PDB file of N, CA and C in Angstrom:
ATOM      1  N   UNK A   1       1.121  -1.105   0.080  1.00  0.00           N
ATOM      2  CA  UNK A   1       0.103   0.192  -0.005  1.00  0.00           C
ATOM      3  C   UNK A   1       0.867   1.177  -0.184  1.00  0.00           C
ATOM      4  N   UNK A   2       2.083   1.353   0.850  1.00  0.00           N
ATOM      5  CA  UNK A   2       3.239   2.602   1.276  1.00  0.00           C
ATOM      6  C   UNK A   2       3.499   2.849  -0.629  1.00  0.00           C
ATOM      7  N   UNK A   3       4.037   1.822  -1.182  1.00  0.00           N
ATOM      8  CA  UNK A   3       4.764   1.798  -2.909  1.00  0.00           C
ATOM      9  C   UNK A   3       3.572   2.336  -3.624  1.00  0.00           C
ATOM     10  N   UNK A   4       2.096   2.094  -3.111  1.00  0.00           N
ATOM     11  CA  UNK A   4       1.236   2.441  -4.232  1.00  0.00           C
ATOM     12  C   UNK A   4       0.910   4.043  -3.933  1.00  0.00           C
ATOM     13  N   UNK A   5       0.851   4.391  -2.832  1.00  0.00           N
ATOM     14  CA  UNK A   5       0.988   5.526  -2.323  1.00  0.00           C
ATOM     15  C   UNK A   5       2.110   6.451  -3.168  1.00  0.00           C
ATOM     16  N   UNK A   6       3.065   6.378  -2.899  1.00  0.00           N
ATOM     17  CA  UNK A   6       4.749   6.961  -3.785  1.00  0.00           C
ATOM     18  C   UNK A   6       4.003   7.163  -4.778  1.00  0.00           C
ATOM     19  N   UNK A   7       3.734   5.839  -5.446  1.00  0.00           N
ATOM     20  CA  UNK A   7       3.532   6.336  -6.873  1.00  0.00           C
ATOM     21  C   UNK A   7       1.935   7.277  -7.497  1.00  0.00           C
ATOM     22  N   UNK A   8       1.692   6.958  -6.410  1.00  0.00           N
ATOM     23  CA  UNK A   8       0.312   8.498  -6.954  1.00  0.00           C
ATOM     24  C   UNK A   8       0.548   9.723  -6.666  1.00  0.00           C
ATOM     25  N   UNK A   9       1.806   9.840  -5.758  1.00  0.00           N
ATOM     26  CA  UNK A   9       2.703  11.291  -5.192  1.00  0.00           C
ATOM     27  C   UNK A   9       3.296  11.791  -6.602  1.00  0.00           C
ATOM     28  N   UNK A  10       4.068  10.582  -7.015  1.00  0.00           N
ATOM     29  CA  UNK A  10       4.843  10.862  -8.260  1.00  0.00           C
ATOM     30  C   UNK A  10       3.944  11.006  -9.600  1.00  0.00           C
ATOM     31  N   UNK A  11       2.922  10.678  -9.649  1.00  0.00           N
ATOM     32  CA  UNK A  11       2.210  10.979 -10.826  1.00  0.00           C
ATOM     33  C   UNK A  11       1.567  12.185  -9.975  1.00  0.00           C
ATOM     34  N   UNK A  12       1.748  12.724  -9.184  1.00  0.00           N
ATOM     35  CA  UNK A  12       0.599  14.011  -9.103  1.00  0.00           C
ATOM     36  C   UNK A  12       1.501  14.889  -9.794  1.00  0.00           C
ATOM     37  N   UNK A  13       2.966  14.717  -8.798  1.00  0.00           N
ATOM     38  CA  UNK A  13       4.114  15.825  -9.273  1.00  0.00           C
ATOM     39  C   UNK A  13       4.409  15.476 -10.830  1.00  0.00           C
ATOM     40  N   UNK A  14       4.308  14.875 -11.488  1.00  0.00           N
ATOM     41  CA  UNK A  14       4.885  14.782 -12.925  1.00  0.00           C
ATOM     42  C   UNK A  14       3.716  15.362 -13.500  1.00  0.00           C
ATOM     43  N   UNK A  15       2.305  15.324 -13.013  1.00  0.00           N
ATOM     44  CA  UNK A  15       1.123  16.170 -13.581  1.00  0.00           C
ATOM     45  C   UNK A  15       1.113  17.296 -13.629  1.00  0.00           C
ATOM     46  N   UNK A  16       1.675  17.602 -12.590  1.00  0.00           N
ATOM     47  CA  UNK A  16       1.676  19.122 -12.349  1.00  0.00           C
ATOM     48  C   UNK A  16       3.016  19.934 -12.753  1.00  0.00           C
ATOM     49  N   UNK A  17       3.980  19.118 -13.363  1.00  0.00           N
ATOM     50  CA  UNK A  17       5.317  19.327 -13.727  1.00  0.00           C
ATOM     51  C   UNK A  17       6.104  20.265 -12.310  1.00  0.00           C
ATOM     52  N   UNK A  18       5.799  19.676 -11.109  1.00  0.00           N
ATOM     53  CA  UNK A  18       6.513  20.493 -10.365  1.00  0.00           C
ATOM     54  C   UNK A  18       7.219  19.308  -9.503  1.00  0.00           C
ATOM     55  N   UNK A  19       9.211  19.088  -9.972  1.00  0.00           N
ATOM     56  CA  UNK A  19       9.824  18.104  -9.283  1.00  0.00           C
ATOM     57  C   UNK A  19      10.135  18.783  -7.889  1.00  0.00           C
ATOM     58  N   UNK A  20      10.901  17.929  -7.012  1.00  0.00           N
ATOM     59  CA  UNK A  20      11.061  18.694  -5.971  1.00  0.00           C
ATOM     60  C   UNK A  20      12.574  19.301  -6.226  1.00  0.00           C
ATOM     61  N   UNK A  21      12.328  20.286  -5.176  1.00  0.00           N
ATOM     62  CA  UNK A  21      13.847  21.522  -5.871  1.00  0.00           C
ATOM     63  C   UNK A  21      14.903  20.737  -5.154  1.00  0.00           C
ATOM     64  N   UNK A  22      15.973  20.727  -5.996  1.00  0.00           N
ATOM     65  CA  UNK A  22      17.208  20.391  -5.338  1.00  0.00           C
ATOM     66  C   UNK A  22      18.451  21.062  -5.586  1.00  0.00           C
ATOM     67  N   UNK A  23      19.267  21.581  -4.371  1.00  0.00           N
ATOM     68  CA  UNK A  23      20.268  22.097  -4.991  1.00  0.00           C
ATOM     69  C   UNK A  23      21.526  21.470  -5.807  1.00  0.00           C
ATOM     70  N   UNK A  24      22.286  22.503  -6.812  1.00  0.00           N
ATOM     71  CA  UNK A  24      23.000  21.887  -7.022  1.00  0.00           C
ATOM     72  C   UNK A  24      24.725  22.334  -6.378  1.00  0.00           C
ATOM     73  N   UNK A  25      25.432  21.127  -6.134  1.00  0.00           N
ATOM     74  CA  UNK A  25      26.697  21.292  -5.298  1.00  0.00           C
ATOM     75  C   UNK A  25      27.856  20.889  -6.444  1.00  0.00           C
ATOM     76  N   UNK A  26      29.029  21.922  -5.880  1.00  0.00           N
ATOM     77  CA  UNK A  26      30.050  22.066  -6.500  1.00  0.00           C
ATOM     78  C   UNK A  26      30.913  20.445  -6.650  1.00  0.00           C
ATOM     79  N   UNK A  27      32.289  20.719  -7.027  1.00  0.00           N
ATOM     80  CA  UNK A  27      32.646  19.346  -7.463  1.00  0.00           C
ATOM     81  C   UNK A  27      33.457  18.766  -5.833  1.00  0.00           C
ATOM     82  N   UNK A  28      33.863  20.133  -5.251  1.00  0.00           N
ATOM     83  CA  UNK A  28      34.360  19.610  -3.880  1.00  0.00           C
ATOM     84  C   UNK A  28      33.215  19.874  -2.638  1.00  0.00           C
ATOM     85  N   UNK A  29      31.815  19.788  -2.991  1.00  0.00           N
ATOM     86  CA  UNK A  29      30.452  19.913  -1.953  1.00  0.00           C
ATOM     87  C   UNK A  29      30.291  18.921  -2.105  1.00  0.00           C
ATOM     88  N   UNK A  30      29.424  18.029  -1.224  1.00  0.00           N
ATOM     89  CA  UNK A  30      28.296  16.792  -0.973  1.00  0.00           C
ATOM     90  C   UNK A  30      29.505  15.566  -0.728  1.00  0.00           C
ATOM     91  N   UNK A  31      28.730  14.680  -0.221  1.00  0.00           N
ATOM     92  CA  UNK A  31      29.060  13.537  -0.131  1.00  0.00           C
ATOM     93  C   UNK A  31      27.865  12.519  -1.064  1.00  0.00           C
ATOM     94  N   UNK A  32      28.746  11.613  -2.220  1.00  0.00           N
ATOM     95  CA  UNK A  32      27.576  10.715  -2.948  1.00  0.00           C
ATOM     96  C   UNK A  32      26.865   9.544  -2.253  1.00  0.00           C
ATOM     97  N   UNK A  33      25.698   9.400  -2.944  1.00  0.00           N
ATOM     98  CA  UNK A  33      24.615   8.925  -2.282  1.00  0.00           C
ATOM     99  C   UNK A  33      24.478   7.870  -3.764  1.00  0.00           C
ATOM    100  N   UNK A  34      24.539   6.745  -3.311  1.00  0.00           N
ATOM    101  CA  UNK A  34      24.204   6.023  -4.634  1.00  0.00           C
ATOM    102  C   UNK A  34      25.004   6.223  -5.401  1.00  0.00           C
ATOM    103  N   UNK A  35      24.590   5.576  -7.298  1.00  0.00           N
ATOM    104  CA  UNK A  35      25.063   5.346  -8.302  1.00  0.00           C
ATOM    105  C   UNK A  35      25.027   6.600  -8.933  1.00  0.00           C
ATOM    106  N   UNK A  36      25.447   7.228 -10.114  1.00  0.00           N
ATOM    107  CA  UNK A  36      25.523   8.209 -11.107  1.00  0.00           C
ATOM    108  C   UNK A  36      24.462   7.586 -11.945  1.00  0.00           C
ATOM    109  N   UNK A  37      23.469   8.797 -11.965  1.00  0.00           N
ATOM    110  CA  UNK A  37      22.262   8.892 -13.171  1.00  0.00           C
ATOM    111  C   UNK A  37      22.326   9.403 -14.207  1.00  0.00           C
ATOM    112  N   UNK A  38      21.887   8.949 -15.110  1.00  0.00           N
ATOM    113  CA  UNK A  38      21.711   9.473 -16.390  1.00  0.00           C
ATOM    114  C   UNK A  38      20.306  10.077 -16.807  1.00  0.00           C
ATOM    115  N   UNK A  39      20.395  11.262 -17.397  1.00  0.00           N
ATOM    116  CA  UNK A  39      18.815  11.478 -18.043  1.00  0.00           C
ATOM    117  C   UNK A  39      19.371  12.279 -19.642  1.00  0.00           C
ATOM    118  N   UNK A  40      18.360  11.758 -20.418  1.00  0.00           N
ATOM    119  CA  UNK A  40      18.452  12.079 -21.777  1.00  0.00           C
ATOM    120  C   UNK A  40      17.387  13.691 -21.237  1.00  0.00           C
ATOM    121  N   UNK A  41      17.518  14.783 -22.593  1.00  0.00           N
ATOM    122  CA  UNK A  41      16.560  15.566 -22.334  1.00  0.00           C
ATOM    123  C   UNK A  41      17.073  16.551 -23.528  1.00  0.00           C
ATOM    124  N   UNK A  42      16.495  17.412 -23.503  1.00  0.00           N
ATOM    125  CA  UNK A  42      16.522  18.668 -24.730  1.00  0.00           C
ATOM    126  C   UNK A  42      18.125  19.387 -24.679  1.00  0.00           C
ATOM    127  N   UNK A  43      18.187  20.059 -24.999  1.00  0.00           N
ATOM    128  CA  UNK A  43      19.140  20.997 -24.875  1.00  0.00           C
ATOM    129  C   UNK A  43      18.949  22.180 -24.564  1.00  0.00           C
ATOM    130  N   UNK A  44      18.003  22.420 -24.698  1.00  0.00           N
ATOM    131  CA  UNK A  44      17.172  24.246 -24.331  1.00  0.00           C
ATOM    132  C   UNK A  44      17.848  24.912 -23.033  1.00  0.00           C
ATOM    133  N   UNK A  45      17.501  25.984 -23.490  1.00  0.00           N
ATOM    134  CA  UNK A  45      17.949  26.716 -21.488  1.00  0.00           C
ATOM    135  C   UNK A  45      17.370  25.912 -20.444  1.00  0.00           C
ATOM    136  N   UNK A  46      17.968  25.591 -19.420  1.00  0.00           N
ATOM    137  CA  UNK A  46      17.492  24.931 -18.064  1.00  0.00           C
ATOM    138  C   UNK A  46      16.718  23.460 -17.910  1.00  0.00           C
ATOM    139  N   UNK A  47      17.244  22.705 -19.247  1.00  0.00           N
ATOM    140  CA  UNK A  47      16.514  21.572 -19.354  1.00  0.00           C
ATOM    141  C   UNK A  47      17.092  20.422 -18.949  1.00  0.00           C
ATOM    142  N   UNK A  48      18.757  21.255 -18.494  1.00  0.00           N
ATOM    143  CA  UNK A  48      19.118  19.716 -17.979  1.00  0.00           C
ATOM    144  C   UNK A  48      19.344  19.954 -16.517  1.00  0.00           C
ATOM    145  N   UNK A  49      18.972  20.934 -15.941  1.00  0.00           N
ATOM    146  CA  UNK A  49      18.753  21.196 -14.047  1.00  0.00           C
ATOM    147  C   UNK A  49      16.858  20.418 -14.543  1.00  0.00           C
ATOM    148  N   UNK A  50      16.176  21.148 -15.152  1.00  0.00           N
ATOM    149  CA  UNK A  50      15.025  20.514 -14.711  1.00  0.00           C
ATOM    150  C   UNK A  50      14.603  18.908 -15.023  1.00  0.00           C
ATOM    151  N   UNK A  51      15.296  17.972 -15.669  1.00  0.00           N
ATOM    152  CA  UNK A  51      15.615  16.911 -15.886  1.00  0.00           C
ATOM    153  C   UNK A  51      15.778  16.122 -15.340  1.00  0.00           C
ATOM    154  N   UNK A  52      17.155  16.967 -14.165  1.00  0.00           N
ATOM    155  CA  UNK A  52      17.932  16.505 -13.104  1.00  0.00           C
ATOM    156  C   UNK A  52      16.967  16.311 -11.798  1.00  0.00           C
ATOM    157  N   UNK A  53      16.427  17.049 -12.022  1.00  0.00           N
ATOM    158  CA  UNK A  53      15.269  17.480 -10.681  1.00  0.00           C
ATOM    159  C   UNK A  53      14.159  16.457 -11.002  1.00  0.00           C
ATOM    160  N   UNK A  54      13.865  16.220 -11.735  1.00  0.00           N
ATOM    161  CA  UNK A  54      12.773  15.128 -12.475  1.00  0.00           C
ATOM    162  C   UNK A  54      13.188  13.891 -12.336  1.00  0.00           C
ATOM    163  N   UNK A  55      14.300  13.433 -12.479  1.00  0.00           N
ATOM    164  CA  UNK A  55      14.906  12.159 -12.357  1.00  0.00           C
ATOM    165  C   UNK A  55      14.865  11.876 -10.781  1.00  0.00           C
ATOM    166  N   UNK A  56      15.512  12.492 -10.345  1.00  0.00           N
ATOM    167  CA  UNK A  56      16.213  12.082  -8.581  1.00  0.00           C
ATOM    168  C   UNK A  56      14.931  12.434  -7.854  1.00  0.00           C
ATOM    169  N   UNK A  57      13.554  13.053  -8.167  1.00  0.00           N
ATOM    170  CA  UNK A  57      12.348  13.126  -7.705  1.00  0.00           C
ATOM    171  C   UNK A  57      11.732  11.774  -7.338  1.00  0.00           C
ATOM    172  N   UNK A  58      11.962  11.321  -8.764  1.00  0.00           N
ATOM    173  CA  UNK A  58      11.482   9.877  -9.095  1.00  0.00           C
ATOM    174  C   UNK A  58      12.266   8.831  -8.464  1.00  0.00           C
ATOM    175  N   UNK A  59      13.482   8.698  -7.974  1.00  0.00           N
ATOM    176  CA  UNK A  59      14.350   8.194  -7.516  1.00  0.00           C
ATOM    177  C   UNK A  59      13.902   8.281  -6.063  1.00  0.00           C
ATOM    178  N   UNK A  60      14.060   9.378  -5.290  1.00  0.00           N
ATOM    179  CA  UNK A  60      13.613   9.395  -3.989  1.00  0.00           C
ATOM    180  C   UNK A  60      12.568   9.395  -3.210  1.00  0.00           C
ATOM    181  N   UNK A  61      11.438   9.213  -4.593  1.00  0.00           N
ATOM    182  CA  UNK A  61       9.849   8.903  -4.148  1.00  0.00           C
ATOM    183  C   UNK A  61       9.902   7.537  -4.269  1.00  0.00           C
ATOM    184  N   UNK A  62      10.258   6.930  -5.176  1.00  0.00           N
ATOM    185  CA  UNK A  62      10.461   5.486  -5.330  1.00  0.00           C
ATOM    186  C   UNK A  62      10.776   4.662  -4.843  1.00  0.00           C
ATOM    187  N   UNK A  63      12.061   5.029  -4.522  1.00  0.00           N
ATOM    188  CA  UNK A  63      13.506   4.069  -4.241  1.00  0.00           C
ATOM    189  C   UNK A  63      14.189   4.711  -2.845  1.00  0.00           C
ATOM    190  N   UNK A  64      13.249   5.873  -2.099  1.00  0.00           N
ATOM    191  CA  UNK A  64      13.644   6.458  -0.935  1.00  0.00           C
ATOM    192  C   UNK A  64      15.062   6.941  -0.862  1.00  0.00           C
ATOM    193  N   UNK A  65      15.836   7.223  -1.875  1.00  0.00           N
ATOM    194  CA  UNK A  65      17.272   7.965  -1.882  1.00  0.00           C
ATOM    195  C   UNK A  65      17.123   9.245  -1.204  1.00  0.00           C
ATOM    196  N   UNK A  66      18.074   9.310  -0.402  1.00  0.00           N
ATOM    197  CA  UNK A  66      17.710  10.166   0.565  1.00  0.00           C
ATOM    198  C   UNK A  66      18.824  11.428   0.349  1.00  0.00           C
ATOM    199  N   UNK A  67      19.110  12.369  -0.532  1.00  0.00           N
ATOM    200  CA  UNK A  67      19.772  13.064  -1.559  1.00  0.00           C
ATOM    201  C   UNK A  67      18.919  14.451  -1.131  1.00  0.00           C
ATOM    202  N   UNK A  68      19.635  15.700  -1.183  1.00  0.00           N
ATOM    203  CA  UNK A  68      19.458  16.727  -0.751  1.00  0.00           C
ATOM    204  C   UNK A  68      19.961  17.643  -2.030  1.00  0.00           C
ATOM    205  N   UNK A  69      21.001  16.942  -3.056  1.00  0.00           N
ATOM    206  CA  UNK A  69      22.003  18.178  -3.881  1.00  0.00           C
ATOM    207  C   UNK A  69      22.126  16.932  -5.192  1.00  0.00           C
ATOM    208  N   UNK A  70      22.598  17.927  -6.583  1.00  0.00           N
ATOM    209  CA  UNK A  70      22.771  16.936  -7.426  1.00  0.00           C
ATOM    210  C   UNK A  70      24.018  17.697  -7.771  1.00  0.00           C
ATOM    211  N   UNK A  71      24.916  16.831  -7.748  1.00  0.00           N
ATOM    212  CA  UNK A  71      26.375  17.274  -8.524  1.00  0.00           C
ATOM    213  C   UNK A  71      26.735  16.355 -10.412  1.00  0.00           C
ATOM    214  N   UNK A  72      26.794  17.705 -11.118  1.00  0.00           N
ATOM    215  CA  UNK A  72      26.288  17.172 -12.534  1.00  0.00           C
ATOM    216  C   UNK A  72      27.835  16.773 -12.708  1.00  0.00           C
ATOM    217  N   UNK A  73      28.616  15.554 -13.128  1.00  0.00           N
ATOM    218  CA  UNK A  73      29.738  15.056 -13.547  1.00  0.00           C
ATOM    219  C   UNK A  73      29.790  14.905 -15.023  1.00  0.00           C
ATOM    220  N   UNK A  74      28.620  14.760 -16.343  1.00  0.00           N
ATOM    221  CA  UNK A  74      29.212  14.877 -17.305  1.00  0.00           C
ATOM    222  C   UNK A  74      28.001  15.091 -18.183  1.00  0.00           C
ATOM    223  N   UNK A  75      28.511  15.561 -18.936  1.00  0.00           N
ATOM    224  CA  UNK A  75      27.552  15.467 -20.197  1.00  0.00           C
ATOM    225  C   UNK A  75      28.245  15.703 -22.050  1.00  0.00           C
ATOM    226  N   UNK A  76      27.092  14.874 -22.858  1.00  0.00           N
ATOM    227  CA  UNK A  76      27.396  14.563 -23.606  1.00  0.00           C
ATOM    228  C   UNK A  76      26.096  14.459 -25.003  1.00  0.00           C
ATOM    229  N   UNK A  77      26.455  15.554 -25.806  1.00  0.00           N
ATOM    230  CA  UNK A  77      25.591  16.224 -26.794  1.00  0.00           C
ATOM    231  C   UNK A  77      25.541  15.135 -27.961  1.00  0.00           C
ATOM    232  N   UNK A  78      24.359  14.744 -28.164  1.00  0.00           N
ATOM    233  CA  UNK A  78      23.768  13.597 -29.028  1.00  0.00           C
ATOM    234  C   UNK A  78      23.376  14.368 -30.479  1.00  0.00           C
ATOM    235  N   UNK A  79      22.977  15.371 -30.331  1.00  0.00           N
ATOM    236  CA  UNK A  79      22.825  15.922 -31.876  1.00  0.00           C
ATOM    237  C   UNK A  79      22.228  17.700 -31.475  1.00  0.00           C
ATOM    238  N   UNK A  80      21.698  17.946 -32.307  1.00  0.00           N
ATOM    239  CA  UNK A  80      22.066  19.426 -32.550  1.00  0.00           C
ATOM    240  C   UNK A  80      20.975  19.631 -31.415  1.00  0.00           C
ATOM    241  N   UNK A  81      19.876  19.153 -30.680  1.00  0.00           N
ATOM    242  CA  UNK A  81      18.740  19.635 -29.711  1.00  0.00           C
ATOM    243  C   UNK A  81      18.951  18.144 -28.582  1.00  0.00           C
ATOM    244  N   UNK A  82      19.367  17.516 -28.765  1.00  0.00           N
ATOM    245  CA  UNK A  82      19.581  16.432 -27.707  1.00  0.00           C
ATOM    246  C   UNK A  82      20.677  16.389 -26.889  1.00  0.00           C
ATOM    247  N   UNK A  83      20.657  16.214 -25.771  1.00  0.00           N
ATOM    248  CA  UNK A  83      21.838  15.394 -25.179  1.00  0.00           C
ATOM    249  C   UNK A  83      21.439  14.381 -23.733  1.00  0.00           C
ATOM    250  N   UNK A  84      22.757  14.082 -23.315  1.00  0.00           N
ATOM    251  CA  UNK A  84      22.986  13.082 -21.666  1.00  0.00           C
ATOM    252  C   UNK A  84      23.324  13.637 -20.765  1.00  0.00           C
ATOM    253  N   UNK A  85      23.004  13.877 -19.700  1.00  0.00           N
ATOM    254  CA  UNK A  85      23.384  14.323 -18.436  1.00  0.00           C
ATOM    255  C   UNK A  85      23.797  13.355 -17.597  1.00  0.00           C
ATOM    256  N   UNK A  86      24.907  13.242 -17.036  1.00  0.00           N
ATOM    257  CA  UNK A  86      25.212  12.570 -16.278  1.00  0.00           C
ATOM    258  C   UNK A  86      25.557  13.239 -14.426  1.00  0.00           C
ATOM    259  N   UNK A  87      24.795  12.707 -13.852  1.00  0.00           N
ATOM    260  CA  UNK A  87      25.030  13.758 -12.713  1.00  0.00           C
ATOM    261  C   UNK A  87      25.198  12.346 -11.229  1.00  0.00           C
ATOM    262  N   UNK A  88      25.442  12.838 -10.126  1.00  0.00           N
ATOM    263  CA  UNK A  88      25.752  11.933  -8.959  1.00  0.00           C
ATOM    264  C   UNK A  88      24.733  12.753  -7.636  1.00  0.00           C
ATOM    265  N   UNK A  89      23.539  11.894  -7.219  1.00  0.00           N
ATOM    266  CA  UNK A  89      22.652  12.531  -5.966  1.00  0.00           C
ATOM    267  C   UNK A  89      24.015  12.911  -5.247  1.00  0.00           C
ATOM    268  N   UNK A  90      23.601  13.603  -4.210  1.00  0.00           N
ATOM    269  CA  UNK A  90      24.679  13.614  -3.175  1.00  0.00           C
ATOM    270  C   UNK A  90      24.192  14.624  -1.626  1.00  0.00           C
ATOM    271  N   UNK A  91      24.006  14.269  -0.555  1.00  0.00           N
ATOM    272  CA  UNK A  91      23.733  14.731   0.779  1.00  0.00           C
ATOM    273  C   UNK A  91      25.059  16.076   0.962  1.00  0.00           C
ATOM    274  N   UNK A  92      24.528  17.242   1.441  1.00  0.00           N
ATOM    275  CA  UNK A  92      25.209  18.655   1.356  1.00  0.00           C
ATOM    276  C   UNK A  92      24.922  18.676   2.958  1.00  0.00           C
TER     277      UNK A  92
END
């Protein structure tokens, strides 16, 4: 039942377009939590930050990941409008 409620909460957040807001840490800040995550996104202004926050919101709500910051570790451009950002969830 608890997992079902978490999925409903995630569905509501996705429908509203309001992921949990996370801070962005520099390379020297934060303690890494879990594995690095990748997100595929459009490369327009602020799309990488929004996509990372959405992906981490999903991990936090469904898997209980206890992170409060994001550390960007890599970016790979696929074509003119698409890219993949790699990020590390961390605790500051």
